[in-house]
Amino acid sequence: ELLNLKGELQNVSLSAQGCLELQKEAWSTLNQSTRM
C-alpha cells in the first residue's frame, strides 16, 4: 500500500511540476507581450 501511495504521490508531483512549467511559460509569454 505504501508503494502504491508513493507511486500516486510521484504522479501528483509530476503533474504539479508540469503545471508549474506551463504557468512559467504563460508568465514569460505575458511578460514578453506586456513589454512589447
PDB file of all heavy atoms in Angstrom:
ATOM      1  N   GLU A   1       0.829  -1.201   0.000  1.00  0.00           N
ATOM      2  CA  GLU A   1       0.000   0.000   0.000  1.00  0.00           C
ATOM      3  C   GLU A   1       0.868   1.258   0.000  1.00  0.00           C
ATOM      4  O   GLU A   1       0.558   2.236  -0.683  1.00  0.00           O
ATOM      5  CB  GLU A   1      -0.918   0.005   1.223  1.00  0.00           C
ATOM      6  CG  GLU A   1      -2.036  -1.019   1.131  1.00  0.00           C
ATOM      7  CD  GLU A   1      -2.909  -1.037   2.376  1.00  0.00           C
ATOM      8  OE1 GLU A   1      -2.770  -0.142   3.224  1.00  0.00           O
ATOM      9  OE2 GLU A   1      -3.726  -1.959   2.494  1.00  0.00           O
ATOM     10  N   LEU A   2       1.976   1.216   0.749  1.00  0.00           N
ATOM     11  CA  LEU A   2       2.879   2.366   0.778  1.00  0.00           C
ATOM     12  C   LEU A   2       3.528   2.583  -0.590  1.00  0.00           C
ATOM     13  O   LEU A   2       3.710   3.720  -1.022  1.00  0.00           O
ATOM     14  CB  LEU A   2       3.948   2.183   1.850  1.00  0.00           C
ATOM     15  CG  LEU A   2       3.471   2.359   3.295  1.00  0.00           C
ATOM     16  CD1 LEU A   2       4.583   2.022   4.271  1.00  0.00           C
ATOM     17  CD2 LEU A   2       2.992   3.770   3.531  1.00  0.00           C
ATOM     18  N   LEU A   3       3.874   1.486  -1.277  1.00  0.00           N
ATOM     19  CA  LEU A   3       4.442   1.627  -2.621  1.00  0.00           C
ATOM     20  C   LEU A   3       3.415   2.232  -3.579  1.00  0.00           C
ATOM     21  O   LEU A   3       3.760   3.091  -4.405  1.00  0.00           O
ATOM     22  CB  LEU A   3       4.914   0.267  -3.135  1.00  0.00           C
ATOM     23  CG  LEU A   3       6.210  -0.274  -2.522  1.00  0.00           C
ATOM     24  CD1 LEU A   3       6.478  -1.687  -3.014  1.00  0.00           C
ATOM     25  CD2 LEU A   3       7.380   0.634  -2.846  1.00  0.00           C
ATOM     26  N   ASN A   4       2.163   1.785  -3.470  1.00  0.00           N
ATOM     27  CA  ASN A   4       1.110   2.362  -4.311  1.00  0.00           C
ATOM     28  C   ASN A   4       0.935   3.850  -4.017  1.00  0.00           C
ATOM     29  O   ASN A   4       0.802   4.669  -4.934  1.00  0.00           O
ATOM     30  CB  ASN A   4      -0.214   1.626  -4.087  1.00  0.00           C
ATOM     31  CG  ASN A   4      -0.182   0.209  -4.622  1.00  0.00           C
ATOM     32  OD1 ASN A   4       0.659  -0.138  -5.441  1.00  0.00           O
ATOM     33  ND2 ASN A   4      -1.083  -0.621  -4.137  1.00  0.00           N
ATOM     34  N   LEU A   5       0.939   4.184  -2.730  1.00  0.00           N
ATOM     35  CA  LEU A   5       0.803   5.588  -2.342  1.00  0.00           C
ATOM     36  C   LEU A   5       1.977   6.412  -2.847  1.00  0.00           C
ATOM     37  O   LEU A   5       1.799   7.538  -3.317  1.00  0.00           O
ATOM     38  CB  LEU A   5       0.695   5.683  -0.820  1.00  0.00           C
ATOM     39  CG  LEU A   5       0.456   7.066  -0.233  1.00  0.00           C
ATOM     40  CD1 LEU A   5      -0.869   7.631  -0.722  1.00  0.00           C
ATOM     41  CD2 LEU A   5       0.484   7.014   1.273  1.00  0.00           C
ATOM     42  N   LYS A   6       3.183   5.829  -2.785  1.00  0.00           N
ATOM     43  CA  LYS A   6       4.373   6.531  -3.277  1.00  0.00           C
ATOM     44  C   LYS A   6       4.245   6.803  -4.778  1.00  0.00           C
ATOM     45  O   LYS A   6       4.559   7.895  -5.259  1.00  0.00           O
ATOM     46  CB  LYS A   6       5.609   5.693  -2.988  1.00  0.00           C
ATOM     47  CG  LYS A   6       6.900   6.326  -3.437  1.00  0.00           C
ATOM     48  CD  LYS A   6       8.071   5.410  -3.167  1.00  0.00           C
ATOM     49  CE  LYS A   6       9.353   5.990  -3.729  1.00  0.00           C
ATOM     50  NZ  LYS A   6      10.488   5.065  -3.562  1.00  0.00           N
ATOM     51  N   GLY A   7       3.759   5.796  -5.534  1.00  0.00           N
ATOM     52  CA  GLY A   7       3.563   5.991  -6.968  1.00  0.00           C
ATOM     53  C   GLY A   7       2.551   7.082  -7.264  1.00  0.00           C
ATOM     54  O   GLY A   7       2.762   7.918  -8.155  1.00  0.00           O
ATOM     55  N   GLU A   8       1.457   7.086  -6.495  1.00  0.00           N
ATOM     56  CA  GLU A   8       0.446   8.125  -6.700  1.00  0.00           C
ATOM     57  C   GLU A   8       1.007   9.507  -6.375  1.00  0.00           C
ATOM     58  O   GLU A   8       0.737  10.486  -7.085  1.00  0.00           O
ATOM     59  CB  GLU A   8      -0.779   7.831  -5.835  1.00  0.00           C
ATOM     60  CG  GLU A   8      -1.577   6.624  -6.315  1.00  0.00           C
ATOM     61  CD  GLU A   8      -2.725   6.271  -5.390  1.00  0.00           C
ATOM     62  OE1 GLU A   8      -3.011   7.059  -4.470  1.00  0.00           O
ATOM     63  OE2 GLU A   8      -3.320   5.205  -5.589  1.00  0.00           O
ATOM     64  N   LEU A   9       1.797   9.588  -5.301  1.00  0.00           N
ATOM     65  CA  LEU A   9       2.404  10.869  -4.945  1.00  0.00           C
ATOM     66  C   LEU A   9       3.383  11.335  -6.018  1.00  0.00           C
ATOM     67  O   LEU A   9       3.466  12.530  -6.318  1.00  0.00           O
ATOM     68  CB  LEU A   9       3.110  10.764  -3.596  1.00  0.00           C
ATOM     69  CG  LEU A   9       2.193  10.713  -2.371  1.00  0.00           C
ATOM     70  CD1 LEU A   9       3.001  10.485  -1.112  1.00  0.00           C
ATOM     71  CD2 LEU A   9       1.373  11.973  -2.250  1.00  0.00           C
ATOM     72  N   GLN A  10       4.115  10.403  -6.616  1.00  0.00           N
ATOM     73  CA  GLN A  10       5.031  10.778  -7.700  1.00  0.00           C
ATOM     74  C   GLN A  10       4.242  11.293  -8.897  1.00  0.00           C
ATOM     75  O   GLN A  10       4.651  12.263  -9.548  1.00  0.00           O
ATOM     76  CB  GLN A  10       5.894   9.583  -8.097  1.00  0.00           C
ATOM     77  CG  GLN A  10       7.004   9.286  -7.116  1.00  0.00           C
ATOM     78  CD  GLN A  10       7.816   8.069  -7.499  1.00  0.00           C
ATOM     79  OE1 GLN A  10       7.384   7.250  -8.312  1.00  0.00           O
ATOM     80  NE2 GLN A  10       8.980   7.922  -6.901  1.00  0.00           N
ATOM     81  N   ASN A  11       3.107  10.640  -9.202  1.00  0.00           N
ATOM     82  CA  ASN A  11       2.271  11.119 -10.308  1.00  0.00           C
ATOM     83  C   ASN A  11       1.754  12.530 -10.035  1.00  0.00           C
ATOM     84  O   ASN A  11       1.760  13.393 -10.922  1.00  0.00           O
ATOM     85  CB  ASN A  11       1.087  10.165 -10.527  1.00  0.00           C
ATOM     86  CG  ASN A  11       1.519   8.840 -11.109  1.00  0.00           C
ATOM     87  OD1 ASN A  11       2.607   8.722 -11.668  1.00  0.00           O
ATOM     88  ND2 ASN A  11       0.682   7.824 -10.965  1.00  0.00           N
ATOM     89  N   VAL A  12       1.316  12.754  -8.795  1.00  0.00           N
ATOM     90  CA  VAL A  12       0.826  14.090  -8.434  1.00  0.00           C
ATOM     91  C   VAL A  12       1.957  15.106  -8.529  1.00  0.00           C
ATOM     92  O   VAL A  12       1.779  16.221  -9.029  1.00  0.00           O
ATOM     93  CB  VAL A  12       0.219  14.059  -7.012  1.00  0.00           C
ATOM     94  CG1 VAL A  12      -0.038  15.457  -6.501  1.00  0.00           C
ATOM     95  CG2 VAL A  12      -1.071  13.257  -7.015  1.00  0.00           C
ATOM     96  N   SER A  13       3.162  14.698  -8.073  1.00  0.00           N
ATOM     97  CA  SER A  13       4.314  15.604  -8.127  1.00  0.00           C
ATOM     98  C   SER A  13       4.668  15.945  -9.571  1.00  0.00           C
ATOM     99  O   SER A  13       4.939  17.108  -9.894  1.00  0.00           O
ATOM    100  CB  SER A  13       5.503  14.951  -7.426  1.00  0.00           C
ATOM    101  OG  SER A  13       6.652  15.724  -7.566  1.00  0.00           O
ATOM    102  N   LEU A  14       4.640  14.934 -10.457  1.00  0.00           N
ATOM    103  CA  LEU A  14       4.933  15.189 -11.869  1.00  0.00           C
ATOM    104  C   LEU A  14       3.882  16.116 -12.488  1.00  0.00           C
ATOM    105  O   LEU A  14       4.212  17.018 -13.260  1.00  0.00           O
ATOM    106  CB  LEU A  14       5.001  13.869 -12.641  1.00  0.00           C
ATOM    107  CG  LEU A  14       6.217  12.983 -12.336  1.00  0.00           C
ATOM    108  CD1 LEU A  14       6.085  11.649 -13.058  1.00  0.00           C
ATOM    109  CD2 LEU A  14       7.500  13.682 -12.742  1.00  0.00           C
ATOM    110  N   SER A  15       2.615  15.881 -12.126  1.00  0.00           N
ATOM    111  CA  SER A  15       1.547  16.751 -12.643  1.00  0.00           C
ATOM    112  C   SER A  15       1.736  18.184 -12.153  1.00  0.00           C
ATOM    113  O   SER A  15       1.566  19.145 -12.919  1.00  0.00           O
ATOM    114  CB  SER A  15       0.181  16.239 -12.198  1.00  0.00           C
ATOM    115  OG  SER A  15      -0.047  14.949 -12.703  1.00  0.00           O
ATOM    116  N   ALA A  16       2.097  18.321 -10.865  1.00  0.00           N
ATOM    117  CA  ALA A  16       2.311  19.664 -10.313  1.00  0.00           C
ATOM    118  C   ALA A  16       3.494  20.342 -10.997  1.00  0.00           C
ATOM    119  O   ALA A  16       3.439  21.544 -11.306  1.00  0.00           O
ATOM    120  CB  ALA A  16       2.552  19.570  -8.803  1.00  0.00           C
ATOM    121  N   GLN A  17       4.565  19.585 -11.284  1.00  0.00           N
ATOM    122  CA  GLN A  17       5.713  20.166 -11.983  1.00  0.00           C
ATOM    123  C   GLN A  17       5.322  20.599 -13.392  1.00  0.00           C
ATOM    124  O   GLN A  17       5.727  21.667 -13.869  1.00  0.00           O
ATOM    125  CB  GLN A  17       6.864  19.156 -12.047  1.00  0.00           C
ATOM    126  CG  GLN A  17       7.597  18.993 -10.741  1.00  0.00           C
ATOM    127  CD  GLN A  17       8.689  17.946 -10.827  1.00  0.00           C
ATOM    128  OE1 GLN A  17       8.799  17.233 -11.819  1.00  0.00           O
ATOM    129  NE2 GLN A  17       9.489  17.844  -9.775  1.00  0.00           N
ATOM    130  N   GLY A  18       4.514  19.780 -14.061  1.00  0.00           N
ATOM    131  CA  GLY A  18       4.041  20.156 -15.390  1.00  0.00           C
ATOM    132  C   GLY A  18       3.211  21.436 -15.354  1.00  0.00           C
ATOM    133  O   GLY A  18       3.364  22.316 -16.203  1.00  0.00           O
ATOM    134  N   CYS A  19       2.336  21.528 -14.345  1.00  0.00           N
ATOM    135  CA  CYS A  19       1.526  22.743 -14.199  1.00  0.00           C
ATOM    136  C   CYS A  19       2.408  23.961 -13.927  1.00  0.00           C
ATOM    137  O   CYS A  19       2.165  25.046 -14.479  1.00  0.00           O
ATOM    138  CB  CYS A  19       0.518  22.573 -13.065  1.00  0.00           C
ATOM    139  SG  CYS A  19      -0.823  21.435 -13.459  1.00  0.00           S
ATOM    140  N   LEU A  20       3.432  23.782 -13.085  1.00  0.00           N
ATOM    141  CA  LEU A  20       4.334  24.897 -12.796  1.00  0.00           C
ATOM    142  C   LEU A  20       5.082  25.348 -14.046  1.00  0.00           C
ATOM    143  O   LEU A  20       5.255  26.549 -14.276  1.00  0.00           O
ATOM    144  CB  LEU A  20       5.335  24.500 -11.702  1.00  0.00           C
ATOM    145  CG  LEU A  20       4.783  24.479 -10.271  1.00  0.00           C
ATOM    146  CD1 LEU A  20       5.840  23.937  -9.317  1.00  0.00           C
ATOM    147  CD2 LEU A  20       4.356  25.863  -9.839  1.00  0.00           C
ATOM    148  N   GLU A  21       5.518  24.382 -14.853  1.00  0.00           N
ATOM    149  CA  GLU A  21       6.223  24.743 -16.087  1.00  0.00           C
ATOM    150  C   GLU A  21       5.297  25.488 -17.050  1.00  0.00           C
ATOM    151  O   GLU A  21       5.699  26.484 -17.660  1.00  0.00           O
ATOM    152  CB  GLU A  21       6.787  23.490 -16.745  1.00  0.00           C
ATOM    153  CG  GLU A  21       7.970  22.900 -15.998  1.00  0.00           C
ATOM    154  CD  GLU A  21       8.455  21.597 -16.608  1.00  0.00           C
ATOM    155  OE1 GLU A  21       7.961  21.212 -17.693  1.00  0.00           O
ATOM    156  OE2 GLU A  21       9.326  20.973 -15.985  1.00  0.00           O
ATOM    157  N   LEU A  22       4.056  25.007 -17.174  1.00  0.00           N
ATOM    158  CA  LEU A  22       3.094  25.712 -18.030  1.00  0.00           C
ATOM    159  C   LEU A  22       2.822  27.116 -17.511  1.00  0.00           C
ATOM    160  O   LEU A  22       2.729  28.075 -18.299  1.00  0.00           O
ATOM    161  CB  LEU A  22       1.779  24.924 -18.094  1.00  0.00           C
ATOM    162  CG  LEU A  22       1.796  23.640 -18.924  1.00  0.00           C
ATOM    163  CD1 LEU A  22       0.476  22.895 -18.767  1.00  0.00           C
ATOM    164  CD2 LEU A  22       2.049  23.960 -20.393  1.00  0.00           C
ATOM    165  N   GLN A  23       2.735  27.252 -16.191  1.00  0.00           N
ATOM    166  CA  GLN A  23       2.498  28.570 -15.605  1.00  0.00           C
ATOM    167  C   GLN A  23       3.686  29.495 -15.859  1.00  0.00           C
ATOM    168  O   GLN A  23       3.508  30.674 -16.190  1.00  0.00           O
ATOM    169  CB  GLN A  23       2.254  28.417 -14.103  1.00  0.00           C
ATOM    170  CG  GLN A  23       1.792  29.686 -13.428  1.00  0.00           C
ATOM    171  CD  GLN A  23       1.508  29.465 -11.958  1.00  0.00           C
ATOM    172  OE1 GLN A  23       1.841  28.438 -11.403  1.00  0.00           O
ATOM    173  NE2 GLN A  23       0.887  30.453 -11.344  1.00  0.00           N
ATOM    174  N   LYS A  24       4.909  28.952 -15.752  1.00  0.00           N
ATOM    175  CA  LYS A  24       6.098  29.772 -16.025  1.00  0.00           C
ATOM    176  C   LYS A  24       6.106  30.229 -17.482  1.00  0.00           C
ATOM    177  O   LYS A  24       6.419  31.388 -17.773  1.00  0.00           O
ATOM    178  CB  LYS A  24       7.373  28.980 -15.726  1.00  0.00           C
ATOM    179  CG  LYS A  24       7.685  28.865 -14.256  1.00  0.00           C
ATOM    180  CD  LYS A  24       8.960  28.060 -14.043  1.00  0.00           C
ATOM    181  CE  LYS A  24       9.238  27.852 -12.570  1.00  0.00           C
ATOM    182  NZ  LYS A  24      10.421  27.019 -12.340  1.00  0.00           N
ATOM    183  N   GLU A  25       5.785  29.300 -18.395  1.00  0.00           N
ATOM    184  CA  GLU A  25       5.738  29.674 -19.811  1.00  0.00           C
ATOM    185  C   GLU A  25       4.686  30.749 -20.054  1.00  0.00           C
ATOM    186  O   GLU A  25       4.924  31.708 -20.803  1.00  0.00           O
ATOM    187  CB  GLU A  25       5.432  28.438 -20.658  1.00  0.00           C
ATOM    188  CG  GLU A  25       6.577  27.443 -20.750  1.00  0.00           C
ATOM    189  CD  GLU A  25       6.192  26.207 -21.528  1.00  0.00           C
ATOM    190  OE1 GLU A  25       5.099  26.168 -22.141  1.00  0.00           O
ATOM    191  OE2 GLU A  25       6.991  25.251 -21.520  1.00  0.00           O
ATOM    192  N   ALA A  26       3.532  30.598 -19.423  1.00  0.00           N
ATOM    193  CA  ALA A  26       2.469  31.594 -19.603  1.00  0.00           C
ATOM    194  C   ALA A  26       2.914  32.945 -19.060  1.00  0.00           C
ATOM    195  O   ALA A  26       2.674  33.991 -19.694  1.00  0.00           O
ATOM    196  CB  ALA A  26       1.190  31.125 -18.908  1.00  0.00           C
ATOM    197  N   TRP A  27       3.581  32.960 -17.894  1.00  0.00           N
ATOM    198  CA  TRP A  27       4.055  34.228 -17.334  1.00  0.00           C
ATOM    199  C   TRP A  27       5.113  34.873 -18.222  1.00  0.00           C
ATOM    200  O   TRP A  27       5.114  36.088 -18.415  1.00  0.00           O
ATOM    201  CB  TRP A  27       4.622  34.013 -15.927  1.00  0.00           C
ATOM    202  CG  TRP A  27       3.567  34.011 -14.863  1.00  0.00           C
ATOM    203  CD1 TRP A  27       3.155  32.958 -14.123  1.00  0.00           C
ATOM    204  CD2 TRP A  27       2.794  35.125 -14.431  1.00  0.00           C
ATOM    205  NE1 TRP A  27       2.174  33.320 -13.256  1.00  0.00           N
ATOM    206  CE2 TRP A  27       1.928  34.660 -13.425  1.00  0.00           C
ATOM    207  CE3 TRP A  27       2.727  36.457 -14.808  1.00  0.00           C
ATOM    208  CZ2 TRP A  27       1.013  35.488 -12.781  1.00  0.00           C
ATOM    209  CZ3 TRP A  27       1.816  37.278 -14.147  1.00  0.00           C
ATOM    210  CH2 TRP A  27       0.974  36.802 -13.161  1.00  0.00           C
ATOM    211  N   SER A  28       6.015  34.030 -18.747  1.00  0.00           N
ATOM    212  CA  SER A  28       7.049  34.618 -19.614  1.00  0.00           C
ATOM    213  C   SER A  28       6.420  35.189 -20.886  1.00  0.00           C
ATOM    214  O   SER A  28       6.800  36.272 -21.345  1.00  0.00           O
ATOM    215  CB  SER A  28       8.121  33.577 -19.958  1.00  0.00           C
ATOM    216  OG  SER A  28       7.573  32.536 -20.725  1.00  0.00           O
ATOM    217  N   THR A  29       5.440  34.469 -21.455  1.00  0.00           N
ATOM    218  CA  THR A  29       4.742  34.976 -22.638  1.00  0.00           C
ATOM    219  C   THR A  29       4.010  36.273 -22.309  1.00  0.00           C
ATOM    220  O   THR A  29       4.047  37.247 -23.083  1.00  0.00           O
ATOM    221  CB  THR A  29       3.739  33.920 -23.154  1.00  0.00           C
ATOM    222  OG1 THR A  29       4.429  32.710 -23.384  1.00  0.00           O
ATOM    223  CG2 THR A  29       3.056  34.382 -24.416  1.00  0.00           C
ATOM    224  N   LEU A  30       3.348  36.308 -21.145  1.00  0.00           N
ATOM    225  CA  LEU A  30       2.631  37.510 -20.734  1.00  0.00           C
ATOM    226  C   LEU A  30       3.592  38.675 -20.507  1.00  0.00           C
ATOM    227  O   LEU A  30       3.319  39.803 -20.938  1.00  0.00           O
ATOM    228  CB  LEU A  30       1.840  37.213 -19.451  1.00  0.00           C
ATOM    229  CG  LEU A  30       0.996  38.348 -18.897  1.00  0.00           C
ATOM    230  CD1 LEU A  30      -0.117  38.718 -19.873  1.00  0.00           C
ATOM    231  CD2 LEU A  30       0.417  37.973 -17.544  1.00  0.00           C
ATOM    232  N   ASN A  31       4.740  38.394 -19.877  1.00  0.00           N
ATOM    233  CA  ASN A  31       5.731  39.458 -19.671  1.00  0.00           C
ATOM    234  C   ASN A  31       6.253  40.002 -20.992  1.00  0.00           C
ATOM    235  O   ASN A  31       6.416  41.213 -21.173  1.00  0.00           O
ATOM    236  CB  ASN A  31       6.896  38.948 -18.812  1.00  0.00           C
ATOM    237  CG  ASN A  31       6.522  38.831 -17.351  1.00  0.00           C
ATOM    238  OD1 ASN A  31       5.598  39.478 -16.886  1.00  0.00           O
ATOM    239  ND2 ASN A  31       7.238  37.989 -16.624  1.00  0.00           N
ATOM    240  N   GLN A  32       6.532  39.081 -21.928  1.00  0.00           N
ATOM    241  CA  GLN A  32       7.037  39.499 -23.232  1.00  0.00           C
ATOM    242  C   GLN A  32       5.981  40.330 -23.967  1.00  0.00           C
ATOM    243  O   GLN A  32       6.288  41.378 -24.552  1.00  0.00           O
ATOM    244  CB  GLN A  32       7.417  38.268 -24.048  1.00  0.00           C
ATOM    245  CG  GLN A  32       8.163  38.571 -25.307  1.00  0.00           C
ATOM    246  CD  GLN A  32       8.601  37.282 -25.999  1.00  0.00           C
ATOM    247  OE1 GLN A  32       8.182  36.197 -25.622  1.00  0.00           O
ATOM    248  NE2 GLN A  32       9.439  37.411 -27.008  1.00  0.00           N
ATOM    249  N   SER A  33       4.719  39.892 -23.911  1.00  0.00           N
ATOM    250  CA  SER A  33       3.641  40.648 -24.564  1.00  0.00           C
ATOM    251  C   SER A  33       3.486  42.018 -23.915  1.00  0.00           C
ATOM    252  O   SER A  33       3.275  43.027 -24.608  1.00  0.00           O
ATOM    253  CB  SER A  33       2.322  39.887 -24.459  1.00  0.00           C
ATOM    254  OG  SER A  33       2.421  38.642 -25.109  1.00  0.00           O
ATOM    255  N   THR A  34       3.609  42.075 -22.594  1.00  0.00           N
ATOM    256  CA  THR A  34       3.489  43.355 -21.892  1.00  0.00           C
ATOM    257  C   THR A  34       4.609  44.293 -22.296  1.00  0.00           C
ATOM    258  O   THR A  34       4.376  45.498 -22.541  1.00  0.00           O
ATOM    259  CB  THR A  34       3.511  43.110 -20.368  1.00  0.00           C
ATOM    260  OG1 THR A  34       2.490  42.169 -20.015  1.00  0.00           O
ATOM    261  CG2 THR A  34       3.282  44.390 -19.594  1.00  0.00           C
ATOM    262  N   ARG A  35       5.840  43.760 -22.352  1.00  0.00           N
ATOM    263  CA  ARG A  35       6.970  44.606 -22.774  1.00  0.00           C
ATOM    264  C   ARG A  35       6.757  45.146 -24.185  1.00  0.00           C
ATOM    265  O   ARG A  35       7.004  46.321 -24.470  1.00  0.00           O
ATOM    266  CB  ARG A  35       8.273  43.800 -22.709  1.00  0.00           C
ATOM    267  CG  ARG A  35       8.913  43.844 -21.343  1.00  0.00           C
ATOM    268  CD  ARG A  35      10.312  43.256 -21.364  1.00  0.00           C
ATOM    269  NE  ARG A  35      10.302  42.101 -20.477  1.00  0.00           N
ATOM    270  CZ  ARG A  35      10.556  40.866 -20.835  1.00  0.00           C
ATOM    271  NH1 ARG A  35      10.872  40.573 -22.077  1.00  0.00           N
ATOM    272  NH2 ARG A  35      10.501  39.884 -19.965  1.00  0.00           N
ATOM    273  N   MET A  36       6.301  44.257 -25.082  1.00  0.00           N
ATOM    274  CA  MET A  36       6.067  44.701 -26.460  1.00  0.00           C
ATOM    275  C   MET A  36       4.964  45.764 -26.512  1.00  0.00           C
ATOM    276  O   MET A  36       5.068  46.754 -27.249  1.00  0.00           O
ATOM    277  CB  MET A  36       5.699  43.501 -27.338  1.00  0.00           C
ATOM    278  CG  MET A  36       6.881  42.574 -27.586  1.00  0.00           C
ATOM    279  SD  MET A  36       6.439  41.080 -28.488  1.00  0.00           S
ATOM    280  CE  MET A  36       5.907  41.744 -30.033  1.00  0.00           C
TER     281      MET A  36
END
